[in-house]
Amino acid sequence: MSLSFDNDTVSDSSTVRAKRFFEGDSLTVDDVESYEWGDFSIRDAERRATHPHREPHILAYSYWVMGLSQTEIARRYGVSQQVVSYQMETKGIPTIEDPSHHRASIGYTQNAGGDSNHAKAFSAYDGETESVYIHRLLAVAKYGFDAVEGKVVHHTTGHPLDNRPEAIEVMERDDHARLHGDGGSRWVIEDGKPRLRFSDDVNTDDTSDPVEDWWGERDTDDAEE
């Protein structure tokens, strides 16, 4: 019996039988391990293949019989591990969980509106995600964990994305709530920057708006430039 294989006429060898078998539907680990590899020759299979890393029978033999990792298979055929992983997944070649491989990512998020307007950093590892507000992270770096635990990190300039170290301070929750309560605080200019302070800490007889004046001065300076 003869078969057409890569434009050649060849005998019904173990290589050809394996190629036919592994071009079927998705296989199980038992299918691969119980297959009669017989006199299968990886060198013969590679010689007959235009792109060895795309051939299911070559991938199955390399991974399950030779015991090569996806990275080693990729190195053998001059492609990336991601390419080998994709080919094995799409060709239905089963794999085992690699204990040395972890799914990890880090990122930044900031959504408009409400409390979520504050910026967050997140870290995802093997399906578990942890996140922390940027201003709290910076406060820990500035003051230490014990000083921040159980406290509120306040943006002194009133801008939730102003996460400069000099623009954040640690406060008790009750004080922070009072600071942002109706009539409990006023904006002032300290060291050339706007700051929200308790009303009893500033001159309440002064009815001017120093922050509005401060922004007006900045607008004037920008216009002159």
N, C-alpha and C. Protein backbone atom coordinates (compact mmCIF):
# COMPACT_ATOMS: atom_id res chain seq x y z
N MET A 1 0.85 -1.19 0.00
CA MET A 1 0.00 0.00 0.00
C MET A 1 0.88 1.23 0.00
N SER A 2 0.47 2.28 -0.70
CA SER A 2 1.24 3.52 -0.71
C SER A 2 0.31 4.70 -0.49
N LEU A 3 0.89 5.77 0.03
CA LEU A 3 0.13 6.97 0.32
C LEU A 3 0.84 8.18 -0.24
N SER A 4 0.08 9.24 -0.55
CA SER A 4 0.68 10.51 -0.96
C SER A 4 1.03 11.29 0.29
N PHE A 5 2.30 11.65 0.45
CA PHE A 5 2.77 12.31 1.66
C PHE A 5 3.77 13.39 1.29
N ASP A 6 3.36 14.67 1.48
CA ASP A 6 4.24 15.79 1.15
C ASP A 6 4.80 15.68 -0.26
N ASN A 7 3.89 15.39 -1.20
CA ASN A 7 4.23 15.33 -2.62
C ASN A 7 5.14 14.15 -2.98
N ASP A 8 5.37 13.22 -2.04
CA ASP A 8 6.15 12.02 -2.31
C ASP A 8 5.25 10.80 -2.18
N THR A 9 5.60 9.73 -2.85
CA THR A 9 4.90 8.47 -2.68
C THR A 9 5.73 7.61 -1.74
N VAL A 10 5.16 7.27 -0.58
CA VAL A 10 5.92 6.55 0.43
C VAL A 10 5.13 5.34 0.90
N SER A 11 5.80 4.44 1.56
CA SER A 11 5.14 3.26 2.10
C SER A 11 4.33 3.65 3.33
N ASP A 12 3.43 2.75 3.72
CA ASP A 12 2.59 2.99 4.90
C ASP A 12 3.44 2.76 6.15
N SER A 13 4.36 3.68 6.42
CA SER A 13 5.29 3.54 7.53
C SER A 13 4.63 3.97 8.83
N SER A 14 5.35 3.71 9.93
CA SER A 14 4.88 4.15 11.24
C SER A 14 4.69 5.66 11.27
N THR A 15 5.57 6.39 10.59
CA THR A 15 5.47 7.84 10.54
C THR A 15 4.16 8.28 9.91
N VAL A 16 3.81 7.64 8.80
CA VAL A 16 2.58 7.98 8.10
C VAL A 16 1.35 7.61 8.92
N ARG A 17 1.38 6.43 9.56
CA ARG A 17 0.24 6.01 10.38
C ARG A 17 0.05 6.98 11.55
N ALA A 18 1.14 7.42 12.14
CA ALA A 18 1.04 8.37 13.25
C ALA A 18 0.47 9.69 12.77
N LYS A 19 0.88 10.10 11.58
CA LYS A 19 0.38 11.37 11.04
C LYS A 19 -1.13 11.29 10.85
N ARG A 20 -1.61 10.15 10.31
CA ARG A 20 -3.04 9.99 10.11
C ARG A 20 -3.78 9.98 11.44
N PHE A 21 -3.25 9.25 12.41
CA PHE A 21 -3.92 9.10 13.70
C PHE A 21 -4.05 10.44 14.42
N PHE A 22 -3.00 11.23 14.40
CA PHE A 22 -3.00 12.46 15.17
C PHE A 22 -3.60 13.64 14.42
N GLU A 23 -4.09 13.40 13.24
CA GLU A 23 -4.83 14.45 12.53
C GLU A 23 -6.32 14.36 12.82
N GLY A 24 -6.70 13.52 13.76
CA GLY A 24 -8.10 13.38 14.12
C GLY A 24 -8.54 14.46 15.09
N ASP A 25 -9.60 14.18 15.84
CA ASP A 25 -10.10 15.14 16.82
C ASP A 25 -9.16 15.23 18.02
N SER A 26 -9.51 16.12 18.95
CA SER A 26 -8.70 16.28 20.15
C SER A 26 -8.52 14.95 20.86
N LEU A 27 -7.30 14.72 21.31
CA LEU A 27 -6.95 13.45 21.93
C LEU A 27 -6.81 13.60 23.43
N THR A 28 -6.86 12.48 24.12
CA THR A 28 -6.63 12.48 25.55
C THR A 28 -5.20 12.03 25.81
N VAL A 29 -4.77 12.21 27.06
CA VAL A 29 -3.44 11.75 27.44
C VAL A 29 -3.33 10.25 27.23
N ASP A 30 -4.38 9.50 27.54
CA ASP A 30 -4.36 8.04 27.36
C ASP A 30 -4.17 7.67 25.90
N ASP A 31 -4.82 8.43 24.99
CA ASP A 31 -4.67 8.17 23.56
C ASP A 31 -3.22 8.28 23.14
N VAL A 32 -2.56 9.33 23.61
CA VAL A 32 -1.17 9.56 23.21
C VAL A 32 -0.25 8.51 23.82
N GLU A 33 -0.43 8.23 25.11
CA GLU A 33 0.48 7.31 25.79
C GLU A 33 0.29 5.86 25.35
N SER A 34 -0.94 5.51 24.94
CA SER A 34 -1.21 4.12 24.55
C SER A 34 -1.00 3.88 23.06
N TYR A 35 -0.73 4.93 22.31
CA TYR A 35 -0.53 4.75 20.87
C TYR A 35 0.70 3.87 20.61
N GLU A 36 0.59 2.95 19.63
CA GLU A 36 1.69 2.06 19.30
C GLU A 36 2.69 2.79 18.41
N TRP A 37 3.64 3.42 19.07
CA TRP A 37 4.63 4.20 18.31
C TRP A 37 5.54 3.29 17.49
N GLY A 38 5.74 2.07 17.94
CA GLY A 38 6.51 1.10 17.17
C GLY A 38 7.85 1.63 16.70
N ASP A 39 8.06 1.57 15.39
CA ASP A 39 9.34 2.01 14.83
C ASP A 39 9.28 3.47 14.37
N PHE A 40 8.37 4.24 14.99
CA PHE A 40 8.25 5.65 14.61
C PHE A 40 9.61 6.34 14.72
N SER A 41 9.96 7.08 13.69
CA SER A 41 11.24 7.79 13.65
C SER A 41 10.98 9.29 13.62
N ILE A 42 11.41 10.00 14.65
CA ILE A 42 11.21 11.44 14.69
C ILE A 42 12.00 12.11 13.57
N ARG A 43 13.16 11.55 13.24
CA ARG A 43 13.98 12.13 12.17
C ARG A 43 13.28 11.99 10.83
N ASP A 44 12.65 10.83 10.61
CA ASP A 44 11.92 10.62 9.36
C ASP A 44 10.73 11.56 9.29
N ALA A 45 10.02 11.72 10.43
CA ALA A 45 8.86 12.62 10.46
C ALA A 45 9.28 14.06 10.19
N GLU A 46 10.39 14.48 10.79
CA GLU A 46 10.88 15.85 10.59
C GLU A 46 11.28 16.07 9.13
N ARG A 47 11.91 15.03 8.53
CA ARG A 47 12.37 15.16 7.15
C ARG A 47 11.21 15.33 6.18
N ARG A 48 10.09 14.67 6.49
CA ARG A 48 8.94 14.71 5.61
C ARG A 48 8.08 15.98 5.80
N ALA A 49 8.28 16.66 6.90
CA ALA A 49 7.41 17.80 7.24
C ALA A 49 8.02 19.12 6.78
N THR A 50 7.17 19.97 6.21
CA THR A 50 7.62 21.32 5.83
C THR A 50 7.79 22.19 7.06
N HIS A 51 6.83 22.08 7.98
CA HIS A 51 6.87 22.83 9.24
C HIS A 51 6.65 21.84 10.38
N PRO A 52 7.72 21.24 10.89
CA PRO A 52 7.57 20.20 11.93
C PRO A 52 6.79 20.66 13.15
N HIS A 53 6.94 21.93 13.53
CA HIS A 53 6.28 22.40 14.75
C HIS A 53 4.77 22.50 14.59
N ARG A 54 4.27 22.31 13.36
CA ARG A 54 2.82 22.35 13.13
C ARG A 54 2.19 20.96 13.04
N GLU A 55 3.02 19.92 13.05
CA GLU A 55 2.52 18.56 12.84
C GLU A 55 2.13 17.92 14.17
N PRO A 56 0.85 17.52 14.32
CA PRO A 56 0.39 16.95 15.59
C PRO A 56 1.16 15.72 16.03
N HIS A 57 1.51 14.82 15.09
CA HIS A 57 2.21 13.59 15.48
C HIS A 57 3.63 13.89 15.96
N ILE A 58 4.26 14.90 15.39
CA ILE A 58 5.59 15.29 15.82
C ILE A 58 5.53 15.95 17.20
N LEU A 59 4.53 16.80 17.39
CA LEU A 59 4.37 17.45 18.69
C LEU A 59 4.06 16.43 19.78
N ALA A 60 3.16 15.50 19.48
CA ALA A 60 2.78 14.48 20.47
C ALA A 60 3.98 13.62 20.84
N TYR A 61 4.75 13.17 19.85
CA TYR A 61 5.91 12.33 20.12
C TYR A 61 6.97 13.10 20.90
N SER A 62 7.24 14.33 20.49
CA SER A 62 8.27 15.14 21.14
C SER A 62 7.92 15.39 22.61
N TYR A 63 6.64 15.70 22.84
CA TYR A 63 6.21 16.10 24.18
C TYR A 63 6.03 14.91 25.10
N TRP A 64 5.35 13.84 24.61
CA TRP A 64 4.97 12.74 25.49
C TRP A 64 5.96 11.58 25.49
N VAL A 65 6.62 11.32 24.37
CA VAL A 65 7.56 10.20 24.31
C VAL A 65 8.99 10.66 24.60
N MET A 66 9.41 11.74 23.93
CA MET A 66 10.76 12.25 24.16
C MET A 66 10.86 13.04 25.47
N GLY A 67 9.69 13.52 25.96
CA GLY A 67 9.68 14.25 27.23
C GLY A 67 10.21 15.66 27.12
N LEU A 68 10.13 16.25 25.92
CA LEU A 68 10.60 17.62 25.75
C LEU A 68 9.54 18.61 26.22
N SER A 69 9.96 19.70 26.80
CA SER A 69 9.03 20.77 27.17
C SER A 69 8.67 21.57 25.93
N GLN A 70 7.64 22.39 26.04
CA GLN A 70 7.28 23.24 24.91
C GLN A 70 8.43 24.16 24.53
N THR A 71 9.14 24.64 25.52
CA THR A 71 10.29 25.52 25.25
C THR A 71 11.37 24.76 24.50
N GLU A 72 11.63 23.51 24.87
CA GLU A 72 12.64 22.71 24.18
C GLU A 72 12.21 22.36 22.76
N ILE A 73 10.93 22.07 22.57
CA ILE A 73 10.41 21.82 21.23
C ILE A 73 10.56 23.07 20.36
N ALA A 74 10.23 24.21 20.95
CA ALA A 74 10.35 25.48 20.22
C ALA A 74 11.79 25.73 19.81
N ARG A 75 12.72 25.47 20.71
CA ARG A 75 14.14 25.67 20.40
C ARG A 75 14.59 24.72 19.29
N ARG A 76 14.07 23.52 19.30
CA ARG A 76 14.45 22.51 18.31
C ARG A 76 14.05 22.94 16.90
N TYR A 77 12.88 23.63 16.80
CA TYR A 77 12.37 23.99 15.48
C TYR A 77 12.47 25.48 15.17
N GLY A 78 13.15 26.22 16.02
CA GLY A 78 13.42 27.62 15.73
C GLY A 78 12.21 28.53 15.80
N VAL A 79 11.28 28.22 16.71
CA VAL A 79 10.11 29.08 16.90
C VAL A 79 10.01 29.43 18.39
N SER A 80 8.99 30.20 18.75
CA SER A 80 8.82 30.58 20.15
C SER A 80 7.98 29.54 20.89
N GLN A 81 8.09 29.55 22.21
CA GLN A 81 7.28 28.65 23.03
C GLN A 81 5.81 28.93 22.84
N GLN A 82 5.45 30.22 22.65
CA GLN A 82 4.05 30.59 22.44
C GLN A 82 3.49 29.95 21.17
N VAL A 83 4.33 29.85 20.13
CA VAL A 83 3.90 29.22 18.88
C VAL A 83 3.63 27.74 19.10
N VAL A 84 4.52 27.06 19.80
CA VAL A 84 4.33 25.64 20.08
C VAL A 84 3.08 25.42 20.93
N SER A 85 2.90 26.26 21.95
CA SER A 85 1.73 26.15 22.80
C SER A 85 0.45 26.31 22.00
N TYR A 86 0.44 27.30 21.09
CA TYR A 86 -0.73 27.55 20.24
C TYR A 86 -1.00 26.35 19.32
N GLN A 87 0.05 25.80 18.73
CA GLN A 87 -0.13 24.67 17.83
C GLN A 87 -0.66 23.45 18.57
N MET A 88 -0.14 23.20 19.75
CA MET A 88 -0.61 22.04 20.51
C MET A 88 -2.07 22.21 20.93
N GLU A 89 -2.42 23.43 21.28
CA GLU A 89 -3.81 23.68 21.69
C GLU A 89 -4.77 23.54 20.51
N THR A 90 -4.42 24.15 19.38
CA THR A 90 -5.32 24.12 18.22
C THR A 90 -5.35 22.75 17.55
N LYS A 91 -4.26 21.98 17.67
CA LYS A 91 -4.23 20.65 17.05
C LYS A 91 -4.76 19.57 18.00
N GLY A 92 -5.14 19.96 19.21
CA GLY A 92 -5.75 19.02 20.13
C GLY A 92 -4.78 18.10 20.83
N ILE A 93 -3.51 18.50 20.97
CA ILE A 93 -2.52 17.68 21.67
C ILE A 93 -2.58 18.03 23.15
N PRO A 94 -2.91 17.07 24.01
CA PRO A 94 -3.04 17.37 25.45
C PRO A 94 -1.68 17.69 26.07
N THR A 95 -1.71 18.49 27.10
CA THR A 95 -0.50 18.85 27.82
C THR A 95 -0.77 18.67 29.32
N ILE A 96 0.29 18.67 30.09
CA ILE A 96 0.16 18.65 31.54
C ILE A 96 0.47 20.04 32.07
N GLU A 97 0.01 20.32 33.28
CA GLU A 97 0.28 21.61 33.89
C GLU A 97 1.76 21.73 34.20
N ASP A 98 2.38 22.78 33.69
CA ASP A 98 3.80 23.01 33.92
C ASP A 98 3.98 23.76 35.24
N PRO A 99 4.56 23.11 36.27
CA PRO A 99 4.69 23.78 37.57
C PRO A 99 5.60 25.00 37.54
N SER A 100 6.43 25.10 36.51
CA SER A 100 7.33 26.26 36.43
C SER A 100 6.71 27.43 35.69
N HIS A 101 5.52 27.22 35.13
CA HIS A 101 4.87 28.27 34.35
C HIS A 101 3.72 28.88 35.14
N HIS A 102 3.71 30.19 35.23
CA HIS A 102 2.65 30.89 35.95
C HIS A 102 2.11 32.02 35.09
N ARG A 103 0.81 32.25 35.20
CA ARG A 103 0.19 33.35 34.47
C ARG A 103 0.22 34.58 35.38
N ALA A 104 0.97 35.56 34.98
CA ALA A 104 1.13 36.75 35.82
C ALA A 104 1.07 38.02 34.99
N SER A 105 0.50 39.06 35.55
CA SER A 105 0.45 40.35 34.89
C SER A 105 0.28 41.45 35.93
N ILE A 106 0.69 42.63 35.58
CA ILE A 106 0.49 43.80 36.43
C ILE A 106 -0.13 44.89 35.58
N GLY A 107 -0.78 45.85 36.21
CA GLY A 107 -1.41 46.91 35.43
C GLY A 107 -1.89 48.07 36.29
N TYR A 108 -2.56 48.96 35.64
CA TYR A 108 -3.03 50.20 36.25
C TYR A 108 -4.45 50.45 35.74
N THR A 109 -5.31 50.93 36.62
CA THR A 109 -6.67 51.22 36.20
C THR A 109 -7.17 52.49 36.88
N GLN A 110 -7.99 53.23 36.18
CA GLN A 110 -8.59 54.44 36.75
C GLN A 110 -9.87 54.72 35.98
N ASN A 111 -11.01 54.66 36.69
CA ASN A 111 -12.31 54.88 36.09
C ASN A 111 -12.92 56.16 36.63
N ALA A 112 -13.57 56.89 35.79
CA ALA A 112 -14.18 58.16 36.20
C ALA A 112 -15.41 57.89 37.05
N GLY A 113 -15.63 58.77 38.01
CA GLY A 113 -16.85 58.73 38.79
C GLY A 113 -16.71 58.11 40.15
N GLY A 114 -17.14 58.81 41.17
CA GLY A 114 -17.16 58.28 42.52
C GLY A 114 -15.79 57.94 43.05
N ASP A 115 -15.78 57.00 43.98
CA ASP A 115 -14.53 56.62 44.63
C ASP A 115 -13.57 55.95 43.66
N SER A 116 -14.12 55.34 42.60
CA SER A 116 -13.27 54.64 41.64
C SER A 116 -12.44 55.61 40.80
N ASN A 117 -12.68 56.91 40.98
CA ASN A 117 -11.89 57.90 40.25
C ASN A 117 -10.43 57.87 40.71
N HIS A 118 -10.16 57.26 41.85
CA HIS A 118 -8.79 57.10 42.31
C HIS A 118 -8.10 56.02 41.48
N ALA A 119 -6.80 56.18 41.29
CA ALA A 119 -6.03 55.23 40.49
C ALA A 119 -5.68 54.00 41.31
N LYS A 120 -5.67 52.84 40.66
CA LYS A 120 -5.33 51.58 41.32
C LYS A 120 -4.25 50.85 40.53
N ALA A 121 -3.40 50.16 41.26
CA ALA A 121 -2.46 49.23 40.65
C ALA A 121 -2.95 47.82 40.97
N PHE A 122 -2.81 46.89 40.01
CA PHE A 122 -3.25 45.53 40.28
C PHE A 122 -2.19 44.53 39.81
N SER A 123 -2.22 43.38 40.45
CA SER A 123 -1.32 42.29 40.10
C SER A 123 -2.14 41.01 40.02
N ALA A 124 -2.05 40.32 38.87
CA ALA A 124 -2.77 39.06 38.69
C ALA A 124 -1.76 37.92 38.62
N TYR A 125 -2.04 36.84 39.38
CA TYR A 125 -1.12 35.71 39.42
C TYR A 125 -1.92 34.42 39.50
N ASP A 126 -1.82 33.61 38.43
CA ASP A 126 -2.51 32.33 38.38
C ASP A 126 -4.00 32.46 38.71
N GLY A 127 -4.65 33.45 38.14
CA GLY A 127 -6.09 33.62 38.29
C GLY A 127 -6.52 34.40 39.51
N GLU A 128 -5.60 34.74 40.39
CA GLU A 128 -5.94 35.54 41.57
C GLU A 128 -5.43 36.97 41.39
N THR A 129 -6.30 37.93 41.66
CA THR A 129 -5.94 39.34 41.44
C THR A 129 -5.98 40.12 42.74
N GLU A 130 -4.95 40.88 42.98
CA GLU A 130 -4.88 41.78 44.12
C GLU A 130 -4.73 43.21 43.59
N SER A 131 -5.38 44.16 44.24
CA SER A 131 -5.27 45.54 43.81
C SER A 131 -5.11 46.47 45.01
N VAL A 132 -4.54 47.62 44.76
CA VAL A 132 -4.32 48.59 45.83
C VAL A 132 -4.37 49.99 45.22
N TYR A 133 -4.93 50.95 45.96
CA TYR A 133 -4.93 52.32 45.48
C TYR A 133 -3.50 52.85 45.45
N ILE A 134 -3.20 53.57 44.40
CA ILE A 134 -1.85 54.12 44.24
C ILE A 134 -1.48 55.02 45.42
N HIS A 135 -2.44 55.85 45.87
CA HIS A 135 -2.11 56.78 46.95
C HIS A 135 -1.84 56.05 48.27
N ARG A 136 -2.49 54.90 48.48
CA ARG A 136 -2.21 54.14 49.68
C ARG A 136 -0.84 53.45 49.58
N LEU A 137 -0.53 52.98 48.40
CA LEU A 137 0.77 52.36 48.18
C LEU A 137 1.90 53.36 48.43
N LEU A 138 1.72 54.58 47.94
CA LEU A 138 2.73 55.61 48.13
C LEU A 138 2.82 56.02 49.60
N ALA A 139 1.67 56.04 50.27
CA ALA A 139 1.67 56.41 51.69
C ALA A 139 2.45 55.39 52.52
N VAL A 140 2.31 54.11 52.18
CA VAL A 140 3.07 53.07 52.88
C VAL A 140 4.56 53.28 52.66
N ALA A 141 4.93 53.62 51.41
CA ALA A 141 6.34 53.87 51.12
C ALA A 141 6.86 55.09 51.88
N LYS A 142 5.99 56.09 52.07
CA LYS A 142 6.41 57.34 52.71
C LYS A 142 6.39 57.24 54.24
N TYR A 143 5.32 56.65 54.80
CA TYR A 143 5.13 56.65 56.26
C TYR A 143 5.37 55.30 56.92
N GLY A 144 5.30 54.21 56.13
CA GLY A 144 5.40 52.88 56.72
C GLY A 144 4.03 52.24 56.85
N PHE A 145 3.98 50.92 56.82
CA PHE A 145 2.71 50.20 56.83
C PHE A 145 1.93 50.45 58.11
N ASP A 146 2.59 50.40 59.25
CA ASP A 146 1.88 50.57 60.53
C ASP A 146 1.21 51.93 60.63
N ALA A 147 1.82 52.95 60.05
CA ALA A 147 1.25 54.30 60.12
C ALA A 147 0.02 54.45 59.23
N VAL A 148 -0.08 53.60 58.22
CA VAL A 148 -1.18 53.71 57.25
C VAL A 148 -2.33 52.76 57.57
N GLU A 149 -2.03 51.63 58.19
CA GLU A 149 -3.06 50.63 58.46
C GLU A 149 -4.21 51.21 59.28
N GLY A 150 -5.43 51.05 58.76
CA GLY A 150 -6.62 51.53 59.45
C GLY A 150 -6.87 53.01 59.31
N LYS A 151 -6.03 53.70 58.57
CA LYS A 151 -6.17 55.15 58.38
C LYS A 151 -6.63 55.47 56.95
N VAL A 152 -6.97 56.73 56.74
CA VAL A 152 -7.33 57.22 55.42
C VAL A 152 -6.16 58.01 54.85
N VAL A 153 -5.87 57.80 53.58
CA VAL A 153 -4.83 58.58 52.92
C VAL A 153 -5.53 59.71 52.17
N HIS A 154 -5.26 60.92 52.60
CA HIS A 154 -5.95 62.11 52.11
C HIS A 154 -5.14 62.82 51.04
N HIS A 155 -5.80 63.22 49.95
CA HIS A 155 -5.17 64.04 48.92
C HIS A 155 -5.29 65.51 49.35
N THR A 156 -4.19 66.10 49.74
CA THR A 156 -4.24 67.45 50.29
C THR A 156 -4.62 68.49 49.27
N THR A 157 -4.38 68.22 47.99
CA THR A 157 -4.74 69.19 46.95
C THR A 157 -6.15 68.98 46.44
N GLY A 158 -6.82 67.94 46.93
CA GLY A 158 -8.19 67.70 46.53
C GLY A 158 -8.33 66.96 45.22
N HIS A 159 -7.23 66.67 44.56
CA HIS A 159 -7.31 65.96 43.28
C HIS A 159 -7.00 64.49 43.50
N PRO A 160 -7.93 63.58 43.18
CA PRO A 160 -7.75 62.15 43.47
C PRO A 160 -6.62 61.49 42.70
N LEU A 161 -6.12 62.15 41.66
CA LEU A 161 -5.02 61.58 40.89
C LEU A 161 -3.69 62.28 41.16
N ASP A 162 -3.70 63.22 42.12
CA ASP A 162 -2.45 63.90 42.49
C ASP A 162 -1.74 63.03 43.52
N ASN A 163 -0.97 62.07 43.03
CA ASN A 163 -0.34 61.10 43.92
C ASN A 163 1.13 61.40 44.16
N ARG A 164 1.51 62.66 44.09
CA ARG A 164 2.86 63.03 44.49
C ARG A 164 3.00 62.83 46.00
N PRO A 165 4.16 62.39 46.46
CA PRO A 165 4.34 62.16 47.90
C PRO A 165 3.99 63.37 48.75
N GLU A 166 4.27 64.57 48.25
CA GLU A 166 3.98 65.77 49.04
C GLU A 166 2.50 66.13 49.03
N ALA A 167 1.70 65.44 48.22
CA ALA A 167 0.28 65.77 48.11
C ALA A 167 -0.61 64.78 48.84
N ILE A 168 -0.02 63.88 49.64
CA ILE A 168 -0.82 62.92 50.39
C ILE A 168 -0.41 62.96 51.86
N GLU A 169 -1.38 62.70 52.73
CA GLU A 169 -1.10 62.62 54.15
C GLU A 169 -2.06 61.62 54.79
N VAL A 170 -1.66 61.05 55.91
CA VAL A 170 -2.45 60.04 56.59
C VAL A 170 -3.32 60.70 57.66
N MET A 171 -4.61 60.30 57.71
CA MET A 171 -5.55 60.89 58.66
C MET A 171 -6.42 59.81 59.30
N GLU A 172 -6.97 60.13 60.47
CA GLU A 172 -7.98 59.28 61.07
C GLU A 172 -9.25 59.36 60.23
N ARG A 173 -10.03 58.29 60.22
CA ARG A 173 -11.23 58.26 59.38
C ARG A 173 -12.23 59.35 59.79
N ASP A 174 -12.43 59.55 61.09
CA ASP A 174 -13.37 60.57 61.54
C ASP A 174 -12.92 61.96 61.12
N ASP A 175 -11.63 62.24 61.23
CA ASP A 175 -11.11 63.54 60.82
C ASP A 175 -11.28 63.75 59.33
N HIS A 176 -11.05 62.69 58.58
CA HIS A 176 -11.18 62.81 57.12
C HIS A 176 -12.63 63.07 56.73
N ALA A 177 -13.55 62.38 57.40
CA ALA A 177 -14.97 62.59 57.10
C ALA A 177 -15.38 64.01 57.45
N ARG A 178 -14.87 64.53 58.58
CA ARG A 178 -15.21 65.90 58.98
C ARG A 178 -14.58 66.91 58.02
N LEU A 179 -13.38 66.60 57.55
CA LEU A 179 -12.69 67.50 56.63
C LEU A 179 -13.49 67.69 55.35
N HIS A 180 -14.12 66.60 54.90
CA HIS A 180 -14.88 66.66 53.65
C HIS A 180 -16.36 66.91 53.90
N GLY A 181 -16.75 67.13 55.17
CA GLY A 181 -18.15 67.40 55.46
C GLY A 181 -18.54 68.84 55.13
N ASP A 182 -19.83 69.09 55.08
CA ASP A 182 -20.35 70.43 54.76
C ASP A 182 -19.92 71.43 55.82
N GLY A 183 -19.26 72.47 55.40
CA GLY A 183 -18.90 73.55 56.29
C GLY A 183 -17.79 73.23 57.27
N GLY A 184 -17.23 72.06 57.19
CA GLY A 184 -16.21 71.66 58.15
C GLY A 184 -14.80 72.00 57.73
N SER A 185 -14.64 72.50 56.52
CA SER A 185 -13.29 72.76 56.04
C SER A 185 -13.28 73.89 55.01
N ARG A 186 -12.07 74.39 54.74
CA ARG A 186 -11.90 75.44 53.74
C ARG A 186 -10.62 75.19 52.97
N TRP A 187 -10.60 75.69 51.76
CA TRP A 187 -9.39 75.63 50.95
C TRP A 187 -8.49 76.81 51.31
N VAL A 188 -7.21 76.55 51.42
CA VAL A 188 -6.22 77.59 51.65
C VAL A 188 -5.03 77.33 50.74
N ILE A 189 -4.16 78.33 50.66
CA ILE A 189 -2.92 78.16 49.91
C ILE A 189 -1.77 78.06 50.90
N GLU A 190 -1.06 76.92 50.86
CA GLU A 190 0.09 76.72 51.73
C GLU A 190 1.29 76.33 50.86
N ASP A 191 2.39 77.08 51.07
CA ASP A 191 3.60 76.81 50.29
C ASP A 191 3.33 76.84 48.80
N GLY A 192 2.45 77.77 48.43
CA GLY A 192 2.16 77.93 47.01
C GLY A 192 1.25 76.89 46.41
N LYS A 193 0.64 76.03 47.24
CA LYS A 193 -0.23 74.97 46.73
C LYS A 193 -1.56 74.98 47.47
N PRO A 194 -2.66 74.58 46.80
CA PRO A 194 -3.96 74.52 47.48
C PRO A 194 -4.00 73.37 48.47
N ARG A 195 -4.57 73.61 49.64
CA ARG A 195 -4.72 72.59 50.67
C ARG A 195 -6.10 72.71 51.30
N LEU A 196 -6.71 71.58 51.61
CA LEU A 196 -8.00 71.56 52.30
C LEU A 196 -7.71 71.42 53.79
N ARG A 197 -8.17 72.41 54.58
CA ARG A 197 -7.89 72.42 56.01
C ARG A 197 -9.19 72.60 56.79
N PHE A 198 -9.18 72.16 58.08
CA PHE A 198 -10.34 72.35 58.93
C PHE A 198 -10.63 73.84 59.09
N SER A 199 -11.91 74.20 59.16
CA SER A 199 -12.31 75.61 59.27
C SER A 199 -11.72 76.28 60.50
N ASP A 200 -11.59 75.53 61.62
CA ASP A 200 -11.08 76.15 62.84
C ASP A 200 -9.56 76.36 62.79
N ASP A 201 -8.92 75.90 61.70
CA ASP A 201 -7.49 76.11 61.55
C ASP A 201 -7.16 77.31 60.65
N VAL A 202 -8.19 77.93 60.09
CA VAL A 202 -7.96 79.05 59.17
C VAL A 202 -8.81 80.24 59.57
N ASN A 203 -8.54 81.37 58.98
CA ASN A 203 -9.28 82.60 59.25
C ASN A 203 -10.62 82.54 58.54
N THR A 204 -11.69 82.26 59.31
CA THR A 204 -13.01 82.12 58.70
C THR A 204 -13.62 83.46 58.33
N ASP A 205 -13.02 84.59 58.78
CA ASP A 205 -13.55 85.91 58.41
C ASP A 205 -13.19 86.25 56.97
N ASP A 206 -12.20 85.57 56.45
CA ASP A 206 -11.77 85.81 55.07
C ASP A 206 -12.71 85.06 54.14
N THR A 207 -13.50 85.80 53.38
CA THR A 207 -14.50 85.18 52.50
C THR A 207 -13.99 84.97 51.08
N SER A 208 -12.74 85.31 50.82
CA SER A 208 -12.19 85.12 49.47
C SER A 208 -11.95 83.65 49.20
N ASP A 209 -11.78 83.34 47.94
CA ASP A 209 -11.51 81.97 47.54
C ASP A 209 -10.06 81.88 47.07
N PRO A 210 -9.12 81.52 47.96
CA PRO A 210 -7.72 81.53 47.59
C PRO A 210 -7.37 80.55 46.48
N VAL A 211 -8.10 79.43 46.41
CA VAL A 211 -7.81 78.45 45.37
C VAL A 211 -8.20 78.98 44.00
N GLU A 212 -9.36 79.64 43.95
CA GLU A 212 -9.79 80.24 42.69
C GLU A 212 -8.78 81.30 42.24
N ASP A 213 -8.30 82.09 43.21
CA ASP A 213 -7.29 83.09 42.88
C ASP A 213 -6.00 82.42 42.41
N TRP A 214 -5.66 81.29 43.06
CA TRP A 214 -4.42 80.58 42.71
C TRP A 214 -4.49 80.05 41.28
N TRP A 215 -5.63 79.46 40.93
CA TRP A 215 -5.79 78.96 39.57
C TRP A 215 -5.81 80.12 38.56
N GLY A 216 -6.43 81.22 38.96
CA GLY A 216 -6.45 82.39 38.07
C GLY A 216 -5.06 82.90 37.78
N GLU A 217 -4.21 82.92 38.82
CA GLU A 217 -2.83 83.35 38.62
C GLU A 217 -2.08 82.41 37.70
N ARG A 218 -2.33 81.13 37.83
CA ARG A 218 -1.66 80.15 36.96
C ARG A 218 -2.11 80.33 35.52
N ASP A 219 -3.42 80.55 35.32
CA ASP A 219 -3.93 80.77 33.96
C ASP A 219 -3.28 82.00 33.34
N THR A 220 -3.11 83.07 34.15
CA THR A 220 -2.50 84.30 33.65
C THR A 220 -1.05 84.04 33.26
N ASP A 221 -0.32 83.27 34.11
CA ASP A 221 1.07 82.96 33.81
C ASP A 221 1.21 82.15 32.53
N ASP A 222 0.29 81.20 32.34
CA ASP A 222 0.33 80.38 31.14
C ASP A 222 0.07 81.19 29.89
N ALA A 223 -0.89 82.15 30.01
CA ALA A 223 -1.22 83.01 28.88
C ALA A 223 -0.05 83.89 28.49
N GLU A 224 0.69 84.39 29.49
CA GLU A 224 1.84 85.25 29.20
C GLU A 224 2.97 84.49 28.55
N GLU A 225 3.10 83.20 28.85
CA GLU A 225 4.13 82.41 28.21
C GLU A 225 3.79 82.13 26.74
